[in-house]
């Protein structure tokens, strides 16, 4: 749904470092989708902080990082793919 938020919490595997989550998004208004790794330990180590923010926009899914000044910077992570 438009303008909705979804959150979940989990504990990482610190011994094996094999924590992995996949995400599948499909806008209800188009015949497009995106599926991608929403979290893996390597991604977490590259990003600052403990939270990852994902945003779905008209052209795809963005990873949004929190800057030191309190604003977010969005990076196109996965463009929409035609077909469901």
N, C-alpha and C. Protein backbone atom coordinates (compact mmCIF):
# COMPACT_ATOMS: atom_id res chain seq x y z
N UNK A 1 0.82 -1.18 0.00
CA UNK A 1 0.00 0.00 0.00
C UNK A 1 0.87 1.26 0.00
N UNK A 2 0.37 2.30 -0.56
CA UNK A 2 1.11 3.56 -0.66
C UNK A 2 1.30 4.17 0.72
N UNK A 3 2.48 4.73 0.93
CA UNK A 3 2.84 5.44 2.17
C UNK A 3 2.76 4.57 3.42
N UNK A 4 2.94 3.28 3.30
CA UNK A 4 2.97 2.40 4.46
C UNK A 4 4.40 2.07 4.83
N UNK A 5 4.56 1.60 6.04
CA UNK A 5 5.88 1.24 6.55
C UNK A 5 5.81 -0.16 7.14
N UNK A 6 6.89 -0.89 6.97
CA UNK A 6 7.00 -2.23 7.52
C UNK A 6 8.33 -2.33 8.23
N UNK A 7 8.34 -2.88 9.43
CA UNK A 7 9.57 -3.01 10.20
C UNK A 7 9.69 -4.42 10.76
N UNK A 8 10.92 -4.86 10.93
CA UNK A 8 11.15 -6.08 11.67
C UNK A 8 12.52 -5.98 12.34
N UNK A 9 12.68 -6.76 13.38
CA UNK A 9 13.93 -6.80 14.12
C UNK A 9 14.41 -8.25 14.17
N UNK A 10 15.71 -8.40 14.23
CA UNK A 10 16.29 -9.72 14.32
C UNK A 10 17.67 -9.61 14.93
N UNK A 11 18.22 -10.73 15.32
CA UNK A 11 19.57 -10.77 15.85
C UNK A 11 20.48 -11.43 14.83
N UNK A 12 21.60 -10.79 14.59
CA UNK A 12 22.58 -11.32 13.64
C UNK A 12 23.31 -12.52 14.23
N UNK A 13 23.76 -13.39 13.36
CA UNK A 13 24.61 -14.50 13.76
C UNK A 13 26.06 -14.00 13.78
N UNK A 14 26.60 -13.75 14.95
CA UNK A 14 27.95 -13.19 15.05
C UNK A 14 29.04 -14.24 14.88
N UNK A 15 28.72 -15.48 15.14
CA UNK A 15 29.74 -16.53 15.05
C UNK A 15 29.98 -16.92 13.59
N UNK A 16 28.91 -17.24 12.88
CA UNK A 16 29.04 -17.71 11.50
C UNK A 16 28.97 -16.55 10.50
N UNK A 17 28.30 -15.46 10.85
CA UNK A 17 28.09 -14.30 9.98
C UNK A 17 27.42 -14.71 8.67
N UNK A 18 26.27 -15.36 8.80
CA UNK A 18 25.55 -15.82 7.63
C UNK A 18 24.10 -15.34 7.61
N UNK A 19 23.79 -14.26 8.33
CA UNK A 19 22.43 -13.74 8.37
C UNK A 19 22.06 -13.18 7.00
N UNK A 20 20.89 -13.56 6.48
CA UNK A 20 20.47 -13.16 5.14
C UNK A 20 18.95 -13.02 5.09
N UNK A 21 18.47 -11.91 4.54
CA UNK A 21 17.05 -11.69 4.31
C UNK A 21 16.83 -11.24 2.87
N UNK A 22 15.84 -11.82 2.22
CA UNK A 22 15.44 -11.45 0.87
C UNK A 22 14.15 -10.66 0.93
N UNK A 23 13.95 -9.81 -0.06
CA UNK A 23 12.73 -9.01 -0.13
C UNK A 23 12.15 -9.12 -1.53
N UNK A 24 10.84 -9.22 -1.61
CA UNK A 24 10.13 -9.20 -2.89
C UNK A 24 9.07 -8.12 -2.80
N UNK A 25 9.10 -7.17 -3.73
CA UNK A 25 8.13 -6.08 -3.80
C UNK A 25 7.47 -6.07 -5.16
N UNK A 26 6.18 -5.83 -5.19
CA UNK A 26 5.45 -5.73 -6.45
C UNK A 26 4.38 -4.65 -6.29
N UNK A 27 4.54 -3.51 -6.96
CA UNK A 27 3.51 -2.47 -6.88
C UNK A 27 2.19 -2.98 -7.44
N UNK A 28 1.11 -2.66 -6.76
CA UNK A 28 -0.20 -3.13 -7.20
C UNK A 28 -0.70 -2.40 -8.44
N UNK A 29 -0.08 -1.27 -8.77
CA UNK A 29 -0.54 -0.45 -9.90
C UNK A 29 0.21 -0.73 -11.20
N UNK A 30 1.14 -1.68 -11.18
CA UNK A 30 1.89 -1.96 -12.41
C UNK A 30 2.24 -3.44 -12.47
N UNK A 31 2.75 -3.85 -13.60
CA UNK A 31 3.17 -5.24 -13.81
C UNK A 31 4.69 -5.32 -13.63
N UNK A 32 5.18 -4.83 -12.49
CA UNK A 32 6.60 -4.83 -12.22
C UNK A 32 6.87 -5.44 -10.85
N UNK A 33 8.15 -5.77 -10.62
CA UNK A 33 8.54 -6.31 -9.32
C UNK A 33 10.03 -6.06 -9.09
N UNK A 34 10.45 -6.31 -7.88
CA UNK A 34 11.86 -6.29 -7.52
C UNK A 34 12.07 -7.36 -6.46
N UNK A 35 13.12 -8.13 -6.60
CA UNK A 35 13.52 -9.06 -5.54
C UNK A 35 15.02 -8.90 -5.34
N UNK A 36 15.43 -8.81 -4.09
CA UNK A 36 16.81 -8.47 -3.79
C UNK A 36 17.15 -8.88 -2.37
N UNK A 37 18.44 -8.93 -2.07
CA UNK A 37 18.88 -9.18 -0.71
C UNK A 37 18.67 -7.90 0.10
N UNK A 38 17.76 -7.94 1.04
CA UNK A 38 17.48 -6.77 1.87
C UNK A 38 18.48 -6.65 3.00
N UNK A 39 19.09 -7.76 3.38
CA UNK A 39 20.10 -7.73 4.42
C UNK A 39 21.01 -8.93 4.28
N UNK A 40 22.29 -8.68 4.35
CA UNK A 40 23.27 -9.72 4.57
C UNK A 40 24.39 -9.09 5.40
N UNK A 41 25.19 -9.91 6.02
CA UNK A 41 26.21 -9.38 6.92
C UNK A 41 27.21 -8.48 6.21
N UNK A 42 27.54 -8.77 4.96
CA UNK A 42 28.48 -7.92 4.23
C UNK A 42 27.89 -6.54 3.98
N UNK A 43 26.60 -6.45 3.64
CA UNK A 43 25.94 -5.16 3.44
C UNK A 43 25.95 -4.38 4.74
N UNK A 44 25.64 -5.03 5.83
CA UNK A 44 25.62 -4.35 7.13
C UNK A 44 26.99 -3.75 7.46
N UNK A 45 28.05 -4.47 7.18
CA UNK A 45 29.39 -3.98 7.50
C UNK A 45 29.79 -2.80 6.64
N UNK A 46 29.22 -2.65 5.43
CA UNK A 46 29.52 -1.51 4.56
C UNK A 46 28.74 -0.27 4.96
N UNK A 47 27.57 -0.44 5.56
CA UNK A 47 26.71 0.68 5.90
C UNK A 47 26.99 1.17 7.31
N UNK A 48 26.71 2.43 7.57
CA UNK A 48 26.92 3.02 8.89
C UNK A 48 25.66 2.82 9.73
N UNK A 49 25.83 2.42 10.97
CA UNK A 49 24.69 2.26 11.86
C UNK A 49 24.08 0.88 11.80
N UNK A 50 23.06 0.67 12.61
CA UNK A 50 22.43 -0.64 12.71
C UNK A 50 21.14 -0.75 11.92
N UNK A 51 20.67 0.33 11.33
CA UNK A 51 19.40 0.31 10.63
C UNK A 51 19.59 0.50 9.13
N UNK A 52 18.87 -0.29 8.36
CA UNK A 52 18.82 -0.11 6.91
C UNK A 52 17.41 0.34 6.57
N UNK A 53 17.29 1.33 5.73
CA UNK A 53 16.00 1.87 5.32
C UNK A 53 15.84 1.65 3.82
N UNK A 54 14.74 1.03 3.43
CA UNK A 54 14.43 0.78 2.03
C UNK A 54 13.21 1.60 1.65
N UNK A 55 13.24 2.19 0.46
CA UNK A 55 12.11 2.97 -0.04
C UNK A 55 11.75 2.50 -1.44
N UNK A 56 10.47 2.31 -1.69
CA UNK A 56 10.00 2.00 -3.04
C UNK A 56 9.56 3.31 -3.69
N UNK A 57 10.11 3.59 -4.85
CA UNK A 57 9.77 4.80 -5.60
C UNK A 57 9.33 4.40 -7.00
N UNK A 58 8.97 5.39 -7.82
CA UNK A 58 8.45 5.12 -9.16
C UNK A 58 9.43 4.33 -10.04
N UNK A 59 10.74 4.53 -9.85
CA UNK A 59 11.70 3.87 -10.72
C UNK A 59 12.39 2.66 -10.10
N UNK A 60 12.10 2.35 -8.84
CA UNK A 60 12.70 1.17 -8.23
C UNK A 60 12.79 1.27 -6.73
N UNK A 61 13.62 0.41 -6.16
CA UNK A 61 13.80 0.33 -4.72
C UNK A 61 15.12 1.00 -4.36
N UNK A 62 15.07 1.84 -3.33
CA UNK A 62 16.23 2.61 -2.91
C UNK A 62 16.68 2.18 -1.52
N UNK A 63 18.00 2.16 -1.33
CA UNK A 63 18.58 2.06 -0.01
C UNK A 63 18.78 3.48 0.48
N UNK A 64 18.26 3.79 1.64
CA UNK A 64 18.32 5.13 2.19
C UNK A 64 19.19 5.12 3.43
N UNK A 65 20.23 5.95 3.44
CA UNK A 65 21.14 6.00 4.57
C UNK A 65 20.98 7.31 5.31
N UNK A 66 21.11 7.24 6.61
CA UNK A 66 20.96 8.41 7.46
C UNK A 66 22.29 9.16 7.53
N UNK A 67 22.28 10.43 7.16
CA UNK A 67 23.48 11.26 7.22
C UNK A 67 23.69 11.80 8.63
N UNK A 68 24.86 12.34 8.87
CA UNK A 68 25.17 12.92 10.18
C UNK A 68 24.29 14.11 10.52
N UNK A 69 23.77 14.82 9.49
CA UNK A 69 22.93 15.98 9.75
C UNK A 69 21.46 15.62 9.98
N UNK A 70 21.14 14.32 10.02
CA UNK A 70 19.77 13.88 10.29
C UNK A 70 18.91 13.70 9.06
N UNK A 71 19.42 14.00 7.87
CA UNK A 71 18.67 13.80 6.64
C UNK A 71 19.05 12.45 6.03
N UNK A 72 18.23 12.01 5.08
CA UNK A 72 18.49 10.75 4.40
C UNK A 72 19.03 10.99 3.00
N UNK A 73 19.90 10.08 2.56
CA UNK A 73 20.38 10.08 1.18
C UNK A 73 19.97 8.76 0.56
N UNK A 74 19.27 8.83 -0.58
CA UNK A 74 18.74 7.64 -1.24
C UNK A 74 19.63 7.22 -2.40
N UNK A 75 19.85 5.91 -2.52
CA UNK A 75 20.62 5.32 -3.62
C UNK A 75 19.75 4.28 -4.31
N UNK A 76 19.59 4.40 -5.62
CA UNK A 76 18.83 3.39 -6.35
C UNK A 76 19.54 2.06 -6.22
N UNK A 77 18.87 1.10 -5.63
CA UNK A 77 19.47 -0.20 -5.35
C UNK A 77 19.03 -1.24 -6.36
N UNK A 78 17.74 -1.19 -6.72
CA UNK A 78 17.22 -2.21 -7.65
C UNK A 78 16.08 -1.60 -8.46
N UNK A 79 16.28 -1.38 -9.76
CA UNK A 79 15.18 -0.86 -10.59
C UNK A 79 14.08 -1.92 -10.71
N UNK A 80 12.87 -1.44 -11.00
CA UNK A 80 11.77 -2.37 -11.21
C UNK A 80 12.03 -3.22 -12.44
N UNK A 81 11.59 -4.47 -12.40
CA UNK A 81 11.70 -5.40 -13.52
C UNK A 81 10.28 -5.64 -14.03
N UNK A 82 10.09 -5.59 -15.35
CA UNK A 82 8.76 -5.84 -15.91
C UNK A 82 8.36 -7.28 -15.76
N UNK A 83 7.08 -7.51 -15.50
CA UNK A 83 6.54 -8.87 -15.32
C UNK A 83 6.52 -9.27 -13.87
N UNK A 84 5.53 -10.07 -13.51
CA UNK A 84 5.44 -10.55 -12.12
C UNK A 84 5.71 -12.01 -12.03
